N, C-alpha and C. Protein backbone atom coordinates (compact mmCIF):
# COMPACT_ATOMS: atom_id res chain seq x y z
N ALA A 1 58.89 54.40 36.09
CA ALA A 1 57.35 54.45 36.24
C ALA A 1 56.97 52.57 36.75
N LEU A 2 57.51 52.31 35.52
CA LEU A 2 57.32 50.75 36.22
C LEU A 2 57.59 50.26 37.18
N ALA A 3 58.78 50.75 37.69
CA ALA A 3 59.55 50.04 39.73
C ALA A 3 58.19 50.43 40.23
N SER A 4 58.01 52.38 40.14
CA SER A 4 57.23 52.78 41.18
C SER A 4 55.73 51.29 41.21
N THR A 5 55.62 51.24 40.03
CA THR A 5 54.31 50.75 40.35
C THR A 5 54.28 48.91 40.65
N MET A 6 55.44 48.61 41.18
CA MET A 6 55.80 47.50 42.01
C MET A 6 56.05 47.21 43.25
N MET A 7 56.42 48.77 43.68
CA MET A 7 56.52 49.29 44.95
C MET A 7 55.20 49.31 45.81
N ARG A 8 54.77 49.96 45.11
CA ARG A 8 53.05 50.75 46.11
C ARG A 8 52.39 51.25 44.93
N TYR A 9 50.53 50.29 45.37
CA TYR A 9 50.02 50.44 44.00
C TYR A 9 49.43 51.94 44.34
N ASP A 10 49.66 52.93 44.89
CA ASP A 10 49.24 54.01 45.60
C ASP A 10 49.51 55.12 44.23
N SER A 11 50.94 54.26 43.81
CA SER A 11 51.50 55.02 42.03
C SER A 11 50.89 54.78 40.95
N TRP A 12 49.87 53.85 40.84
CA TRP A 12 49.20 53.48 40.02
C TRP A 12 47.80 54.58 39.23
N PRO A 13 47.11 55.25 40.16
CA PRO A 13 46.58 56.14 39.74
C PRO A 13 47.36 57.01 39.01
N LEU A 14 48.55 57.88 39.29
CA LEU A 14 49.53 58.86 39.26
C LEU A 14 50.16 58.68 37.70
N ILE A 15 50.88 57.30 37.69
CA ILE A 15 51.57 56.64 36.21
C ILE A 15 50.25 56.91 35.52
N THR A 16 48.79 56.58 35.56
CA THR A 16 48.19 56.30 34.90
C THR A 16 47.92 57.88 34.04
N MET A 17 47.48 58.99 35.07
CA MET A 17 47.30 60.29 34.99
C MET A 17 48.66 61.04 33.76
N LEU A 18 49.73 60.39 34.52
CA LEU A 18 50.78 60.74 33.77
C LEU A 18 50.69 60.22 32.24
N ALA A 19 50.39 58.96 31.57
CA ALA A 19 50.21 58.20 30.51
C ALA A 19 49.19 58.99 29.09
N VAL A 20 48.12 59.25 30.38
CA VAL A 20 47.23 60.07 29.58
C VAL A 20 47.66 61.56 28.95
N LEU A 21 48.47 62.42 30.35
CA LEU A 21 48.74 63.48 30.14
C LEU A 21 49.82 63.72 28.82
N LEU A 22 50.68 62.58 28.69
CA LEU A 22 51.63 62.91 27.68
C LEU A 22 50.72 62.05 26.12
N LEU A 23 50.07 61.62 26.35
CA LEU A 23 49.31 61.10 24.68
C LEU A 23 48.41 62.51 24.24
N TRP A 24 47.91 62.94 26.03
CA TRP A 24 47.14 64.39 25.20
C TRP A 24 47.96 65.36 24.80
N ASP A 25 49.24 65.32 25.14
CA ASP A 25 50.57 66.41 25.07
C ASP A 25 50.66 65.89 23.38
N ALA A 26 51.12 64.80 23.36
CA ALA A 26 51.38 64.67 22.24
C ALA A 26 50.11 64.47 20.69
N LEU A 27 48.95 64.41 20.98
CA LEU A 27 47.68 64.59 20.26
C LEU A 27 47.98 66.30 20.13
N ARG A 28 48.26 67.27 21.14
CA ARG A 28 47.91 68.23 20.30
C ARG A 28 49.06 69.09 20.24
N ALA A 29 50.91 68.14 20.09
CA ALA A 29 51.50 68.69 19.34
C ALA A 29 51.48 69.10 17.57
N LYS A 30 52.05 69.99 17.57
CA LYS A 30 52.46 70.61 16.27
C LYS A 30 53.70 70.20 15.52
N ASN A 31 53.71 69.50 14.14
CA ASN A 31 55.09 68.45 13.53
C ASN A 31 55.81 69.79 13.63
N VAL A 32 56.58 69.99 14.25
CA VAL A 32 58.26 70.67 14.07
C VAL A 32 59.29 70.24 12.89
N ASP A 33 59.58 69.19 13.49
CA ASP A 33 60.68 68.54 12.39
C ASP A 33 60.50 66.79 12.73
N VAL A 34 61.09 66.15 12.14
CA VAL A 34 61.21 64.55 12.18
C VAL A 34 60.91 63.85 13.71
N SER A 35 62.25 64.30 14.14
CA SER A 35 62.76 64.13 15.55
C SER A 35 61.58 64.28 16.22
N ARG A 36 60.55 65.47 16.34
CA ARG A 36 59.35 65.76 17.38
C ARG A 36 58.59 65.60 16.66
N SER A 37 57.68 64.52 15.64
CA SER A 37 56.85 64.83 15.15
C SER A 37 55.56 64.33 15.75
N ARG A 38 54.57 64.14 15.57
CA ARG A 38 52.99 63.54 16.25
C ARG A 38 53.02 62.98 16.92
N THR A 39 53.51 61.79 15.26
CA THR A 39 53.48 60.46 15.62
C THR A 39 54.81 59.83 16.36
N THR A 40 55.95 60.34 16.43
CA THR A 40 56.56 59.95 17.48
C THR A 40 56.32 60.28 18.98
N LYS A 41 56.02 61.27 19.14
CA LYS A 41 55.41 61.58 20.46
C LYS A 41 54.06 60.57 20.66
N VAL A 42 53.68 60.26 19.75
CA VAL A 42 52.54 59.14 20.20
C VAL A 42 52.79 57.98 20.40
N SER A 43 54.06 57.89 19.59
CA SER A 43 54.36 56.19 20.21
C SER A 43 55.09 56.30 20.95
N LYS A 44 55.98 57.11 21.65
CA LYS A 44 56.36 57.54 22.84
C LYS A 44 55.59 56.83 24.30
N ALA A 45 54.28 58.19 23.64
CA ALA A 45 53.39 58.22 25.08
C ALA A 45 52.57 57.08 24.96
N VAL A 46 52.52 56.10 23.78
CA VAL A 46 52.09 54.64 24.09
C VAL A 46 52.96 53.91 24.46
N VAL A 47 53.94 53.69 24.21
CA VAL A 47 54.92 52.51 24.91
C VAL A 47 55.21 52.86 26.07
N PHE A 48 55.15 54.19 26.61
CA PHE A 48 55.22 54.64 28.07
C PHE A 48 54.23 53.70 29.03
N GLY A 49 53.07 54.41 28.37
CA GLY A 49 51.76 53.86 28.66
C GLY A 49 51.52 52.17 29.31
N PHE A 50 52.29 51.23 27.99
CA PHE A 50 52.26 49.87 27.65
C PHE A 50 52.77 49.32 29.06
N ILE A 51 54.85 50.01 29.23
CA ILE A 51 55.31 49.49 29.71
C ILE A 51 55.24 49.84 31.47
N SER A 52 54.63 51.16 31.44
CA SER A 52 54.52 51.21 33.01
C SER A 52 53.24 50.57 33.58
N HIS A 53 52.13 50.45 32.35
CA HIS A 53 51.17 49.44 33.43
C HIS A 53 50.92 47.91 32.95
N SER A 54 52.20 47.34 32.73
CA SER A 54 52.19 45.88 32.61
C SER A 54 52.41 45.28 33.94
N PHE A 55 52.85 45.45 34.82
CA PHE A 55 53.09 44.87 36.05
C PHE A 55 51.56 45.26 36.78
N PRO A 56 50.92 46.42 36.86
CA PRO A 56 49.59 46.44 37.22
C PRO A 56 48.39 45.69 36.64
N ILE A 57 48.50 45.75 35.27
CA ILE A 57 47.75 44.91 34.83
C ILE A 57 47.74 43.12 35.21
N MET A 58 49.16 42.97 35.15
CA MET A 58 49.55 41.35 35.54
C MET A 58 49.03 41.13 36.61
N TRP A 59 49.21 42.38 38.10
CA TRP A 59 48.93 41.79 39.30
C TRP A 59 47.34 41.75 39.22
N LEU A 60 46.43 42.78 38.78
CA LEU A 60 45.24 42.51 38.79
C LEU A 60 44.77 41.61 38.28
N LEU A 61 45.32 40.89 36.99
CA LEU A 61 44.99 39.24 36.60
C LEU A 61 45.24 38.32 37.65
N SER A 62 46.48 38.36 38.60
CA SER A 62 46.36 37.34 39.42
C SER A 62 45.60 37.81 40.65
N GLN A 63 45.14 38.89 40.75
CA GLN A 63 44.31 39.16 42.09
C GLN A 63 42.99 38.37 41.40
N TRP A 64 42.88 38.45 40.27
CA TRP A 64 41.14 38.24 39.76
C TRP A 64 41.38 36.70 39.94
N LEU A 65 42.22 36.24 39.19
CA LEU A 65 42.16 34.45 39.36
C LEU A 65 42.42 34.51 40.66
N LEU A 66 42.79 34.63 41.79
CA LEU A 66 43.85 33.75 42.99
C LEU A 66 42.20 34.34 43.74
N PHE A 67 41.76 35.27 43.67
CA PHE A 67 40.86 35.77 44.82
C PHE A 67 39.14 36.31 44.41
N GLY A 68 39.07 36.32 43.08
CA GLY A 68 37.45 35.99 42.64
C GLY A 68 37.21 37.70 41.95
N HIS A 69 38.36 38.66 42.77
CA HIS A 69 38.06 40.11 42.52
C HIS A 69 39.37 40.86 42.04
N PRO A 70 39.58 41.46 40.87
CA PRO A 70 41.01 42.34 40.52
C PRO A 70 41.11 43.38 41.40
N LEU A 71 40.43 43.98 42.28
CA LEU A 71 40.87 44.85 42.97
C LEU A 71 40.52 44.28 45.02
N SER A 72 41.04 43.11 45.04
CA SER A 72 40.91 42.55 46.47
C SER A 72 41.50 43.32 47.30
N MET A 73 42.92 43.61 46.97
CA MET A 73 43.38 44.21 47.64
C MET A 73 42.89 45.80 48.55
N ALA A 74 42.35 46.30 47.58
CA ALA A 74 41.46 47.65 47.78
C ALA A 74 39.67 47.19 48.35
N VAL A 75 39.76 46.46 47.83
CA VAL A 75 37.82 45.86 48.68
C VAL A 75 38.34 45.21 50.38
N ASN A 76 39.36 44.49 50.45
CA ASN A 76 39.42 43.87 51.54
C ASN A 76 40.99 44.66 52.02
N SER A 77 40.98 46.06 52.01
CA SER A 77 41.43 46.97 52.87
C SER A 77 41.91 46.89 54.30
N LEU A 78 42.41 46.99 54.98
CA LEU A 78 42.55 47.81 56.29
C LEU A 78 41.70 48.96 56.77
N ASP A 79 41.70 49.59 55.75
CA ASP A 79 41.06 50.86 55.88
C ASP A 79 39.49 50.77 56.33
N VAL A 80 38.88 49.60 55.65
CA VAL A 80 38.23 49.73 55.60
C VAL A 80 37.15 49.63 57.29
N PRO A 81 37.96 48.60 57.93
CA PRO A 81 37.29 48.93 59.76
C PRO A 81 38.23 50.38 60.52
N VAL A 82 38.87 50.82 60.04
CA VAL A 82 39.30 51.52 60.37
C VAL A 82 38.43 53.13 60.13
N ILE A 83 38.05 53.35 59.03
CA ILE A 83 37.28 54.11 58.53
C ILE A 83 35.71 54.24 59.35
N ASN A 84 35.47 52.72 59.24
CA ASN A 84 33.98 52.43 59.90
C ASN A 84 33.86 52.66 61.38
N GLN A 85 34.99 52.59 62.34
CA GLN A 85 35.29 52.66 63.58
C GLN A 85 35.50 54.40 64.13
N SER A 86 36.00 55.08 62.59
CA SER A 86 36.73 56.52 62.84
C SER A 86 34.79 56.96 62.18
N ILE A 87 34.11 56.53 61.61
CA ILE A 87 33.08 57.19 61.11
C ILE A 87 31.68 57.37 62.89
N GLN A 88 31.89 55.92 63.42
CA GLN A 88 31.40 55.82 64.87
C GLN A 88 31.63 56.89 65.73
N GLU A 89 32.65 56.93 65.34
CA GLU A 89 33.52 57.87 67.14
C GLU A 89 33.37 59.12 66.26
N MET A 90 33.40 59.41 65.45
CA MET A 90 33.35 61.13 65.17
C MET A 90 32.29 61.39 64.50
N GLY A 91 31.49 60.56 63.53
CA GLY A 91 30.60 61.51 62.56
C GLY A 91 31.13 61.10 61.29
N ARG A 92 30.10 60.76 60.51
CA ARG A 92 30.17 60.98 58.99
C ARG A 92 31.32 62.24 58.82
N MET A 93 30.63 63.74 58.86
CA MET A 93 30.48 65.12 58.51
C MET A 93 32.02 65.42 59.19
N SER A 94 32.21 64.99 60.16
CA SER A 94 33.42 65.27 60.79
C SER A 94 34.98 64.23 60.44
N LEU A 95 34.71 63.35 60.01
CA LEU A 95 35.69 62.52 59.34
C LEU A 95 35.38 63.42 58.05
N THR A 96 34.86 63.42 56.95
CA THR A 96 34.82 64.06 55.78
C THR A 96 35.53 65.40 55.72
N LEU A 97 35.35 66.28 56.90
CA LEU A 97 36.06 67.23 57.34
C LEU A 97 37.56 66.98 57.82
N TYR A 98 38.03 66.30 58.17
CA TYR A 98 39.18 66.08 58.39
C TYR A 98 39.85 64.97 57.64
N HIS A 99 39.45 64.37 56.23
CA HIS A 99 40.16 63.99 55.23
C HIS A 99 40.14 65.72 54.39
N LEU A 100 39.10 66.16 54.56
CA LEU A 100 39.68 67.59 53.36
C LEU A 100 40.42 68.25 53.89
N ALA A 101 40.40 68.43 55.45
CA ALA A 101 41.83 69.42 55.58
C ALA A 101 43.46 69.07 55.92
N PHE A 102 42.90 67.54 55.89
CA PHE A 102 44.36 66.46 55.74
C PHE A 102 45.36 67.19 54.56
N MET A 103 45.14 67.28 53.29
CA MET A 103 45.78 66.97 52.37
C MET A 103 46.73 68.54 52.55
N PRO A 104 46.08 69.76 52.40
CA PRO A 104 46.85 71.02 52.70
C PRO A 104 47.31 71.09 53.79
N ALA A 105 47.20 70.54 55.17
CA ALA A 105 47.66 71.03 56.20
C ALA A 105 49.14 69.73 56.26
N ILE A 106 49.02 68.73 55.76
CA ILE A 106 50.46 67.91 55.35
C ILE A 106 51.20 68.96 54.86
N MET A 107 50.89 69.29 53.44
CA MET A 107 51.76 70.33 52.53
C MET A 107 52.44 70.77 53.23
N LEU A 108 51.22 71.91 54.35
CA LEU A 108 52.24 72.85 55.09
C LEU A 108 53.38 72.90 56.15
N LEU A 109 53.14 71.28 56.61
CA LEU A 109 54.01 70.57 57.55
C LEU A 109 55.46 70.63 56.97
N CYS A 110 55.10 70.34 55.43
CA CYS A 110 55.86 69.26 54.39
C CYS A 110 57.05 70.46 54.37
N ILE A 111 56.59 71.73 53.62
CA ILE A 111 57.68 72.69 53.05
C ILE A 111 57.25 74.40 53.72
N PRO A 112 58.12 74.93 53.95
CA PRO A 112 58.41 76.04 54.96
C PRO A 112 57.15 77.09 54.55
N LEU A 113 56.31 77.67 55.32
CA LEU A 113 55.31 78.76 54.74
C LEU A 113 55.44 79.58 53.76
N PRO A 114 56.75 79.97 53.88
CA PRO A 114 57.07 80.75 52.25
C PRO A 114 57.00 80.20 51.61
N PHE A 115 57.82 79.03 51.65
CA PHE A 115 58.17 78.34 50.32
C PHE A 115 56.57 77.96 49.46
N ALA A 116 55.60 77.33 50.37
CA ALA A 116 53.69 77.32 50.16
C ALA A 116 53.40 78.05 49.57
N ALA A 117 53.39 79.38 50.38
CA ALA A 117 52.99 80.53 49.70
C ALA A 117 53.64 81.09 48.08
N ALA A 118 55.13 80.74 48.04
CA ALA A 118 55.39 81.11 46.80
C ALA A 118 54.73 80.19 45.80
N GLY A 119 54.88 78.86 46.51
CA GLY A 119 54.09 77.73 45.30
C GLY A 119 52.61 77.87 45.04
N LEU A 120 51.85 78.20 46.15
CA LEU A 120 50.67 78.48 45.42
C LEU A 120 50.55 79.85 45.10
N TYR A 121 50.79 80.80 45.21
CA TYR A 121 50.90 82.26 44.15
C TYR A 121 51.68 81.93 42.89
N GLY A 122 52.53 80.82 42.57
CA GLY A 122 52.98 80.70 41.16
C GLY A 122 51.68 79.69 40.53
N LEU A 123 51.29 79.02 41.31
CA LEU A 123 50.04 78.45 41.08
C LEU A 123 48.77 78.86 40.17
N ILE A 124 48.74 80.50 41.18
CA ILE A 124 47.47 80.92 40.66
C ILE A 124 48.20 82.21 39.25
N LYS A 125 49.17 82.27 39.43
CA LYS A 125 49.52 83.04 38.41
C LYS A 125 49.88 82.24 37.20
N SER A 126 50.39 81.00 37.16
CA SER A 126 50.17 79.97 36.11
C SER A 126 48.53 79.86 35.31
N ILE A 127 47.35 79.80 36.58
CA ILE A 127 46.46 79.64 35.95
C ILE A 127 45.93 80.75 35.78
N LYS A 128 45.82 81.94 35.78
CA LYS A 128 45.50 83.30 35.47
C LYS A 128 46.31 83.25 34.27
N SER A 129 47.84 83.27 33.74
CA SER A 129 48.30 83.61 32.62
C SER A 129 48.18 82.58 31.26
N ARG A 130 47.23 81.69 32.20
CA ARG A 130 46.87 80.12 31.21
C ARG A 130 48.01 79.56 30.22
N GLN A 131 48.69 79.08 30.86
CA GLN A 131 49.94 78.61 31.14
C GLN A 131 50.11 77.23 31.76
N TYR A 132 49.31 76.67 31.06
CA TYR A 132 49.37 75.23 31.74
C TYR A 132 50.31 74.05 31.46
N SER A 133 50.82 73.64 32.62
CA SER A 133 52.40 72.77 32.38
C SER A 133 52.07 71.41 32.87
N VAL A 134 52.32 70.17 32.25
CA VAL A 134 52.07 69.05 33.09
C VAL A 134 51.68 69.13 33.91
N LEU A 135 52.63 69.24 34.83
CA LEU A 135 52.98 69.46 36.40
C LEU A 135 51.46 69.75 36.63
N PHE A 136 51.10 71.12 36.25
CA PHE A 136 49.82 71.61 36.79
C PHE A 136 48.44 70.73 36.54
N TRP A 137 48.44 70.27 35.15
CA TRP A 137 47.45 68.49 35.45
C TRP A 137 47.64 67.50 35.82
N LEU A 138 48.75 67.50 36.55
CA LEU A 138 49.19 66.33 37.32
C LEU A 138 48.74 66.40 38.88
N LEU A 139 49.24 67.68 39.35
CA LEU A 139 48.67 67.99 40.27
C LEU A 139 47.14 68.04 40.65
N THR A 140 46.72 68.92 39.28
CA THR A 140 45.16 68.90 39.43
C THR A 140 44.42 67.78 39.58
N ALA A 141 44.91 66.66 38.84
CA ALA A 141 44.35 65.11 38.31
C ALA A 141 44.59 64.44 39.62
N PHE A 142 45.58 64.89 39.98
CA PHE A 142 45.94 64.11 42.12
C PHE A 142 45.10 64.71 42.48
N THR A 143 45.03 66.01 42.91
CA THR A 143 43.78 66.31 44.30
C THR A 143 42.18 65.72 44.18
N VAL A 144 41.79 65.69 42.30
CA VAL A 144 40.64 65.25 42.27
C VAL A 144 40.94 63.63 42.44
N TYR A 145 41.58 63.22 42.38
CA TYR A 145 42.05 62.08 42.96
C TYR A 145 41.60 62.07 44.32
N TYR A 146 42.27 62.34 44.81
CA TYR A 146 42.37 62.67 46.18
C TYR A 146 40.93 63.13 47.34
N LEU A 147 40.35 64.26 46.25
CA LEU A 147 39.18 64.04 46.63
C LEU A 147 38.19 63.57 46.39
N VAL A 148 38.16 62.47 45.32
CA VAL A 148 37.25 61.50 45.26
C VAL A 148 36.86 60.50 46.24
N THR A 149 38.67 59.90 46.56
CA THR A 149 39.39 58.43 47.38
C THR A 149 38.98 58.75 48.36
N PHE A 150 39.50 59.78 49.05
CA PHE A 150 39.73 60.14 50.73
C PHE A 150 38.42 60.87 50.90
N VAL A 151 37.90 61.93 50.39
CA VAL A 151 37.26 62.61 51.11
C VAL A 151 35.58 62.49 51.24
N LEU A 152 34.96 62.01 48.88
CA LEU A 152 33.95 62.06 49.08
C LEU A 152 33.30 60.82 49.33
N THR A 153 34.28 59.50 48.83
CA THR A 153 33.68 58.20 49.06
C THR A 153 34.25 57.95 50.52
N LEU A 154 35.43 58.06 50.93
CA LEU A 154 35.90 57.86 52.49
C LEU A 154 36.23 56.50 52.14
N SER A 155 36.72 55.97 51.35
CA SER A 155 36.86 54.70 50.91
C SER A 155 38.40 54.15 51.41
N ARG A 156 38.89 55.01 51.27
CA ARG A 156 40.77 55.20 51.98
C ARG A 156 41.23 56.11 53.41
N PHE A 157 42.11 55.72 54.12
CA PHE A 157 42.08 56.48 55.38
C PHE A 157 43.20 57.24 54.64
N PRO A 158 43.69 58.94 54.63
CA PRO A 158 44.87 59.34 54.05
C PRO A 158 45.89 59.16 54.91
N LEU A 159 47.18 59.23 54.73
CA LEU A 159 48.66 58.89 55.24
C LEU A 159 49.49 59.94 54.54
N ALA A 160 50.58 60.61 55.58
CA ALA A 160 51.07 61.68 55.02
C ALA A 160 51.80 61.23 53.52
N ARG A 161 52.51 59.89 53.55
CA ARG A 161 53.22 59.25 52.37
C ARG A 161 52.15 59.51 51.05
N PHE A 162 50.80 59.74 51.03
CA PHE A 162 49.97 59.96 49.73
C PHE A 162 50.24 61.35 49.31
N ILE A 163 50.39 62.16 50.00
CA ILE A 163 50.43 63.90 49.87
C ILE A 163 52.05 63.97 49.50
N THR A 164 52.84 63.51 49.45
CA THR A 164 54.25 63.22 48.84
C THR A 164 54.43 64.26 47.39
N LEU A 165 54.15 63.60 46.82
CA LEU A 165 53.63 63.67 45.66
C LEU A 165 53.26 65.14 44.68
N PRO A 166 52.15 65.37 45.42
CA PRO A 166 51.14 66.47 45.38
C PRO A 166 52.16 67.95 46.09
N THR A 167 52.61 67.63 47.17
CA THR A 167 53.89 68.63 47.76
C THR A 167 54.89 69.19 46.43
N ILE A 168 55.42 68.03 46.29
CA ILE A 168 56.54 68.11 45.25
C ILE A 168 56.26 69.04 43.99
N PHE A 169 55.10 68.48 43.47
CA PHE A 169 54.08 69.20 42.00
C PHE A 169 54.20 70.74 42.61
N LEU A 170 53.34 71.03 44.28
CA LEU A 170 53.32 72.30 44.28
C LEU A 170 54.17 73.36 44.52
N SER A 171 55.85 72.52 44.79
CA SER A 171 56.69 73.27 44.79
C SER A 171 57.46 73.62 43.89
N CYS A 172 56.97 72.97 43.34
CA CYS A 172 57.96 73.38 41.48
C CYS A 172 57.03 74.58 41.34
N PHE A 173 56.16 74.94 41.46
CA PHE A 173 55.04 76.16 40.97
C PHE A 173 55.87 77.57 41.46
N SER A 174 56.55 77.26 43.25
CA SER A 174 57.17 78.20 43.83
C SER A 174 57.88 78.68 43.06
N GLY A 175 58.80 77.94 42.16
CA GLY A 175 59.73 79.37 41.23
C GLY A 175 59.12 80.36 40.88
N VAL A 176 58.07 80.25 40.13
CA VAL A 176 57.29 81.00 39.31
C VAL A 176 57.07 82.41 40.45
N GLY A 177 56.13 81.99 41.36
CA GLY A 177 56.05 82.97 42.54
C GLY A 177 57.18 83.37 43.09
N ILE A 178 58.25 83.05 43.09
CA ILE A 178 59.89 83.97 43.70
C ILE A 178 59.96 84.64 42.65
N VAL A 179 60.32 83.94 41.58
CA VAL A 179 60.41 85.11 40.30
C VAL A 179 59.49 86.09 40.32
N TYR A 180 58.56 86.26 40.28
CA TYR A 180 57.43 87.39 40.27
C TYR A 180 57.77 88.43 41.24
N TRP A 181 58.09 87.57 42.32
CA TRP A 181 58.21 88.33 43.58
C TRP A 181 59.40 89.15 43.62
N LEU A 182 60.61 88.75 42.86
CA LEU A 182 61.67 89.67 42.92
C LEU A 182 61.72 90.01 41.86
N ASP A 183 60.95 89.91 40.90
CA ASP A 183 60.67 91.11 39.65
C ASP A 183 59.88 92.57 40.67
N LYS A 184 58.77 92.00 41.37
CA LYS A 184 57.86 93.28 41.96
C LYS A 184 58.70 93.97 42.98
N ALA A 185 60.31 93.30 43.72
CA ALA A 185 61.11 94.28 44.75
C ALA A 185 61.92 95.01 44.15
N THR A 186 62.20 94.31 42.62
CA THR A 186 63.14 95.25 42.17
C THR A 186 62.81 96.26 41.28
N GLU A 187 61.43 96.54 41.23
CA GLU A 187 60.89 97.25 40.04
C GLU A 187 61.11 98.63 41.29
């Protein structure tokens, strides 16, 4: 996690979401035995959070000291002129619709259609059966982050690399969909 935060700041929100989910899962846990006690899980989640966020905290402090704003890399982003030009050329509503369609379109281009259908079906089955895994919450959190950052505020211009992780999370649900389809086919 620390290495990913050092390579791209795009991973910072995802690592934060993962740390929060680990802490939430630890707080909900029931004590089964000493090696898996709630205190041990909470401690591991907190240590994960501190270690994985050490570089982003250092980076934000250095940006603040050097440039006067902790998020100067986002405020002075190259995306701002591109988005302003796109708003002038396409109009705000057209650009918003483009950003809204970008995530599912890239997901469908990255994985074969039957695999994507199985993933969506597995995701729906998980929701209906109320079996929410950490992957479900990460996919949900990343989708909300995408919608707020790219669609609602138009503060970033979407690139395909931003869609890689949610595509991987969605593909994990394809196993649930494929197993269900195979069970239905063998009945």
